Amino acid sequence: EAFGQMVAASLQNSKWDKRAQALKAVSSVLKGLEVQGRAPPGSTGALGKGLRLHDRTVCWRTGCLLLNLALRDKVIPLRLAALELFLDTFSNSAVGGMPQAEVRLA
């Protein structure tokens, strides 16, 4: 639900390339949240018009749950896509916007 029906359906697909594309889509959504969360220079520092902090938290938590499954996959291209998602999920700028309790639970 956090990333849409197409991503959810692709993650459950039996073909590994569809699952890898879905992980890359999740990664790009998290990158987009990171950019949207930055305030433009001179603003009050509030989140932009993108997703609210709650939505960012839900997407980040869902990304962590996906990583829990995808990093154990035996298909190497899928595991590589999962490692990219890992880097995007736990990059300093992405984790910096998350509440400390969420980071500890990950």
N, C-alpha and C. Protein backbone atom coordinates (compact mmCIF):
# COMPACT_ATOMS: atom_id res chain seq x y z
N GLU A 1 0.82 -1.19 0.00
CA GLU A 1 0.00 0.00 0.00
C GLU A 1 0.86 1.25 0.00
N ALA A 2 1.98 1.22 0.67
CA ALA A 2 2.82 2.41 0.77
C ALA A 2 3.42 2.79 -0.57
N PHE A 3 3.65 1.83 -1.45
CA PHE A 3 4.29 2.09 -2.73
C PHE A 3 3.38 1.84 -3.92
N GLY A 4 2.15 1.47 -3.71
CA GLY A 4 1.21 1.28 -4.80
C GLY A 4 0.96 -0.18 -5.13
N GLN A 5 -0.13 -0.41 -5.84
CA GLN A 5 -0.54 -1.77 -6.18
C GLN A 5 0.38 -2.44 -7.18
N MET A 6 0.90 -1.67 -8.14
CA MET A 6 1.79 -2.26 -9.15
C MET A 6 3.07 -2.80 -8.51
N VAL A 7 3.63 -2.05 -7.59
CA VAL A 7 4.85 -2.50 -6.90
C VAL A 7 4.54 -3.73 -6.06
N ALA A 8 3.42 -3.70 -5.37
CA ALA A 8 3.05 -4.86 -4.53
C ALA A 8 2.85 -6.11 -5.38
N ALA A 9 2.20 -5.96 -6.53
CA ALA A 9 1.99 -7.12 -7.42
C ALA A 9 3.32 -7.61 -7.99
N SER A 10 4.20 -6.69 -8.34
CA SER A 10 5.50 -7.08 -8.90
C SER A 10 6.37 -7.78 -7.87
N LEU A 11 6.27 -7.37 -6.62
CA LEU A 11 7.06 -8.01 -5.57
C LEU A 11 6.63 -9.45 -5.33
N GLN A 12 5.39 -9.77 -5.66
CA GLN A 12 4.88 -11.12 -5.47
C GLN A 12 4.99 -11.97 -6.73
N ASN A 13 5.53 -11.40 -7.80
CA ASN A 13 5.65 -12.10 -9.08
C ASN A 13 6.66 -13.23 -8.96
N SER A 14 6.43 -14.30 -9.72
CA SER A 14 7.36 -15.43 -9.67
C SER A 14 8.63 -15.17 -10.47
N LYS A 15 8.62 -14.20 -11.36
CA LYS A 15 9.79 -13.88 -12.17
C LYS A 15 10.69 -12.91 -11.40
N TRP A 16 11.97 -13.24 -11.31
CA TRP A 16 12.90 -12.46 -10.50
C TRP A 16 13.10 -11.06 -11.06
N ASP A 17 13.03 -10.88 -12.40
CA ASP A 17 13.28 -9.56 -12.96
C ASP A 17 12.17 -8.58 -12.60
N LYS A 18 10.95 -9.05 -12.47
CA LYS A 18 9.84 -8.19 -12.04
C LYS A 18 10.04 -7.77 -10.59
N ARG A 19 10.49 -8.70 -9.76
CA ARG A 19 10.74 -8.38 -8.35
C ARG A 19 11.89 -7.38 -8.23
N ALA A 20 12.93 -7.54 -9.04
CA ALA A 20 14.06 -6.62 -9.00
C ALA A 20 13.62 -5.23 -9.44
N GLN A 21 12.78 -5.13 -10.46
CA GLN A 21 12.27 -3.83 -10.90
C GLN A 21 11.43 -3.19 -9.80
N ALA A 22 10.67 -3.99 -9.09
CA ALA A 22 9.85 -3.45 -8.00
C ALA A 22 10.73 -2.89 -6.89
N LEU A 23 11.82 -3.58 -6.57
CA LEU A 23 12.74 -3.07 -5.55
C LEU A 23 13.38 -1.76 -6.00
N LYS A 24 13.70 -1.66 -7.28
CA LYS A 24 14.26 -0.42 -7.81
C LYS A 24 13.23 0.70 -7.76
N ALA A 25 11.97 0.38 -7.98
CA ALA A 25 10.90 1.38 -7.88
C ALA A 25 10.76 1.88 -6.44
N VAL A 26 10.85 0.97 -5.48
CA VAL A 26 10.80 1.37 -4.07
C VAL A 26 11.98 2.28 -3.75
N SER A 27 13.14 1.94 -4.27
CA SER A 27 14.33 2.75 -4.04
C SER A 27 14.15 4.15 -4.61
N SER A 28 13.58 4.25 -5.80
CA SER A 28 13.39 5.57 -6.40
C SER A 28 12.34 6.38 -5.63
N VAL A 29 11.33 5.72 -5.08
CA VAL A 29 10.35 6.43 -4.25
C VAL A 29 11.03 6.98 -3.00
N LEU A 30 11.87 6.17 -2.37
CA LEU A 30 12.57 6.65 -1.17
C LEU A 30 13.50 7.81 -1.50
N LYS A 31 14.15 7.76 -2.66
CA LYS A 31 15.00 8.88 -3.08
C LYS A 31 14.16 10.12 -3.30
N GLY A 32 12.97 9.95 -3.88
CA GLY A 32 12.07 11.08 -4.09
C GLY A 32 11.60 11.68 -2.78
N LEU A 33 11.35 10.84 -1.79
CA LEU A 33 10.96 11.35 -0.47
C LEU A 33 12.08 12.15 0.15
N GLU A 34 13.31 11.70 -0.08
CA GLU A 34 14.46 12.40 0.46
C GLU A 34 14.56 13.80 -0.13
N VAL A 35 14.35 13.92 -1.43
CA VAL A 35 14.43 15.22 -2.10
C VAL A 35 13.25 16.09 -1.70
N GLN A 36 12.05 15.51 -1.63
CA GLN A 36 10.87 16.28 -1.26
C GLN A 36 10.93 16.74 0.18
N GLY A 37 11.61 16.01 1.02
CA GLY A 37 11.68 16.37 2.43
C GLY A 37 12.57 17.55 2.71
N ARG A 38 13.44 17.90 1.78
CA ARG A 38 14.32 19.04 1.97
C ARG A 38 13.57 20.33 1.70
N ALA A 39 13.79 21.28 2.55
CA ALA A 39 13.14 22.58 2.38
C ALA A 39 13.99 23.45 1.46
N PRO A 40 13.35 24.27 0.62
CA PRO A 40 14.12 25.17 -0.22
C PRO A 40 14.81 26.23 0.61
N PRO A 41 15.91 26.80 0.10
CA PRO A 41 16.62 27.83 0.86
C PRO A 41 15.71 29.01 1.16
N GLY A 42 15.80 29.49 2.38
CA GLY A 42 15.01 30.64 2.79
C GLY A 42 13.64 30.30 3.33
N SER A 43 13.26 29.04 3.33
CA SER A 43 11.94 28.68 3.85
C SER A 43 12.03 28.44 5.35
N THR A 44 10.91 28.07 5.92
CA THR A 44 10.87 27.87 7.37
C THR A 44 11.44 26.53 7.80
N GLY A 45 11.78 25.68 6.86
CA GLY A 45 12.33 24.37 7.20
C GLY A 45 11.29 23.29 7.29
N ALA A 46 10.03 23.61 7.01
CA ALA A 46 8.98 22.60 7.04
C ALA A 46 9.09 21.70 5.82
N LEU A 47 8.47 20.54 5.92
CA LEU A 47 8.47 19.63 4.78
C LEU A 47 7.75 20.26 3.61
N GLY A 48 8.20 19.90 2.42
CA GLY A 48 7.62 20.46 1.21
C GLY A 48 6.22 19.94 0.95
N LYS A 49 5.74 20.15 -0.28
CA LYS A 49 4.39 19.73 -0.63
C LYS A 49 4.28 18.23 -0.84
N GLY A 50 5.38 17.51 -0.73
CA GLY A 50 5.39 16.06 -0.96
C GLY A 50 4.65 15.33 0.13
N LEU A 51 5.10 14.18 0.44
CA LEU A 51 4.44 13.37 1.46
C LEU A 51 4.71 13.93 2.85
N ARG A 52 3.73 13.73 3.71
CA ARG A 52 3.90 14.18 5.09
C ARG A 52 4.89 13.28 5.81
N LEU A 53 5.34 13.71 6.98
CA LEU A 53 6.30 12.94 7.76
C LEU A 53 5.76 11.55 8.06
N HIS A 54 4.47 11.44 8.36
CA HIS A 54 3.88 10.13 8.65
C HIS A 54 4.01 9.22 7.44
N ASP A 55 3.74 9.75 6.24
CA ASP A 55 3.86 8.95 5.02
C ASP A 55 5.30 8.54 4.78
N ARG A 56 6.24 9.43 5.05
CA ARG A 56 7.66 9.10 4.91
C ARG A 56 8.03 7.98 5.86
N THR A 57 7.50 8.03 7.07
CA THR A 57 7.79 6.99 8.05
C THR A 57 7.22 5.65 7.61
N VAL A 58 6.00 5.65 7.09
CA VAL A 58 5.38 4.41 6.62
C VAL A 58 6.18 3.83 5.45
N CYS A 59 6.57 4.68 4.50
CA CYS A 59 7.36 4.20 3.36
C CYS A 59 8.71 3.66 3.81
N TRP A 60 9.33 4.35 4.75
CA TRP A 60 10.65 3.91 5.22
C TRP A 60 10.53 2.58 5.96
N ARG A 61 9.50 2.45 6.79
CA ARG A 61 9.30 1.20 7.53
C ARG A 61 8.99 0.05 6.58
N THR A 62 8.19 0.31 5.56
CA THR A 62 7.89 -0.72 4.56
C THR A 62 9.14 -1.12 3.80
N GLY A 63 9.98 -0.13 3.48
CA GLY A 63 11.25 -0.44 2.82
C GLY A 63 12.12 -1.35 3.67
N CYS A 64 12.14 -1.12 4.97
CA CYS A 64 12.91 -1.98 5.87
C CYS A 64 12.35 -3.40 5.90
N LEU A 65 11.03 -3.53 5.89
CA LEU A 65 10.42 -4.86 5.86
C LEU A 65 10.73 -5.58 4.56
N LEU A 66 10.72 -4.85 3.45
CA LEU A 66 11.08 -5.46 2.17
C LEU A 66 12.53 -5.92 2.16
N LEU A 67 13.39 -5.13 2.76
CA LEU A 67 14.80 -5.51 2.84
C LEU A 67 14.98 -6.80 3.62
N ASN A 68 14.21 -6.96 4.67
CA ASN A 68 14.29 -8.17 5.48
C ASN A 68 14.07 -9.42 4.64
N LEU A 69 13.18 -9.33 3.67
CA LEU A 69 12.91 -10.47 2.79
C LEU A 69 13.86 -10.54 1.60
N ALA A 70 14.09 -9.41 0.97
CA ALA A 70 14.84 -9.40 -0.30
C ALA A 70 16.32 -9.72 -0.12
N LEU A 71 16.89 -9.36 1.01
CA LEU A 71 18.32 -9.63 1.21
C LEU A 71 18.59 -11.12 1.43
N ARG A 72 17.55 -11.90 1.65
CA ARG A 72 17.72 -13.34 1.82
C ARG A 72 17.45 -14.12 0.54
N ASP A 73 17.10 -13.42 -0.53
CA ASP A 73 16.79 -14.10 -1.79
C ASP A 73 18.05 -14.72 -2.39
N LYS A 74 17.90 -15.84 -3.07
CA LYS A 74 19.05 -16.55 -3.62
C LYS A 74 19.42 -16.08 -5.02
N VAL A 75 18.56 -15.30 -5.67
CA VAL A 75 18.83 -14.81 -7.02
C VAL A 75 19.72 -13.58 -6.92
N ILE A 76 20.90 -13.65 -7.54
CA ILE A 76 21.90 -12.60 -7.39
C ILE A 76 21.42 -11.23 -7.89
N PRO A 77 20.81 -11.11 -9.09
CA PRO A 77 20.36 -9.77 -9.51
C PRO A 77 19.33 -9.17 -8.56
N LEU A 78 18.50 -10.01 -7.98
CA LEU A 78 17.53 -9.51 -7.01
C LEU A 78 18.23 -9.07 -5.73
N ARG A 79 19.21 -9.81 -5.32
CA ARG A 79 19.97 -9.43 -4.12
C ARG A 79 20.73 -8.12 -4.35
N LEU A 80 21.25 -7.92 -5.56
CA LEU A 80 21.93 -6.66 -5.87
C LEU A 80 20.97 -5.48 -5.83
N ALA A 81 19.75 -5.68 -6.33
CA ALA A 81 18.73 -4.62 -6.25
C ALA A 81 18.38 -4.35 -4.79
N ALA A 82 18.37 -5.40 -3.98
CA ALA A 82 18.09 -5.23 -2.55
C ALA A 82 19.22 -4.46 -1.86
N LEU A 83 20.45 -4.69 -2.28
CA LEU A 83 21.57 -3.95 -1.70
C LEU A 83 21.49 -2.47 -2.07
N GLU A 84 21.05 -2.16 -3.29
CA GLU A 84 20.84 -0.77 -3.67
C GLU A 84 19.76 -0.14 -2.80
N LEU A 85 18.69 -0.88 -2.58
CA LEU A 85 17.62 -0.39 -1.71
C LEU A 85 18.13 -0.19 -0.30
N PHE A 86 18.99 -1.07 0.17
CA PHE A 86 19.59 -0.93 1.49
C PHE A 86 20.36 0.38 1.59
N LEU A 87 21.17 0.66 0.58
CA LEU A 87 21.95 1.90 0.59
C LEU A 87 21.05 3.13 0.59
N ASP A 88 19.99 3.09 -0.22
CA ASP A 88 19.08 4.23 -0.28
C ASP A 88 18.27 4.38 1.01
N THR A 89 17.91 3.26 1.61
CA THR A 89 17.10 3.31 2.83
C THR A 89 17.89 3.84 4.01
N PHE A 90 19.14 3.42 4.12
CA PHE A 90 19.92 3.78 5.30
C PHE A 90 20.98 4.84 5.02
N SER A 91 20.83 5.58 3.94
CA SER A 91 21.76 6.68 3.71
C SER A 91 21.55 7.73 4.80
N ASN A 92 22.57 8.51 5.04
CA ASN A 92 22.51 9.48 6.13
C ASN A 92 21.37 10.46 5.98
N SER A 93 21.13 10.93 4.76
CA SER A 93 20.07 11.92 4.58
C SER A 93 18.69 11.30 4.76
N ALA A 94 18.53 10.05 4.37
CA ALA A 94 17.22 9.40 4.54
C ALA A 94 16.94 9.10 6.01
N VAL A 95 17.93 8.61 6.72
CA VAL A 95 17.75 8.27 8.13
C VAL A 95 17.66 9.53 8.97
N GLY A 96 18.29 10.61 8.53
CA GLY A 96 18.28 11.86 9.28
C GLY A 96 16.89 12.43 9.49
N GLY A 97 15.97 12.15 8.57
CA GLY A 97 14.62 12.67 8.70
C GLY A 97 13.69 11.77 9.47
N MET A 98 14.15 10.61 9.87
CA MET A 98 13.31 9.65 10.57
C MET A 98 13.43 9.85 12.08
N PRO A 99 12.33 9.62 12.79
CA PRO A 99 12.41 9.66 14.26
C PRO A 99 13.38 8.58 14.76
N GLN A 100 14.08 8.88 15.81
CA GLN A 100 15.10 7.97 16.35
C GLN A 100 14.52 6.61 16.72
N ALA A 101 13.29 6.59 17.21
CA ALA A 101 12.66 5.32 17.58
C ALA A 101 12.46 4.43 16.36
N GLU A 102 12.13 5.02 15.22
CA GLU A 102 11.96 4.24 13.99
C GLU A 102 13.28 3.63 13.54
N VAL A 103 14.34 4.39 13.64
CA VAL A 103 15.65 3.89 13.22
C VAL A 103 16.08 2.73 14.10
N ARG A 104 15.80 2.82 15.39
CA ARG A 104 16.17 1.73 16.30
C ARG A 104 15.38 0.46 16.00
N LEU A 105 14.11 0.62 15.62
CA LEU A 105 13.28 -0.54 15.32
C LEU A 105 13.69 -1.23 14.03
N ALA A 106 14.35 -0.52 13.14
CA ALA A 106 14.74 -1.10 11.86
C ALA A 106 15.79 -2.15 12.10
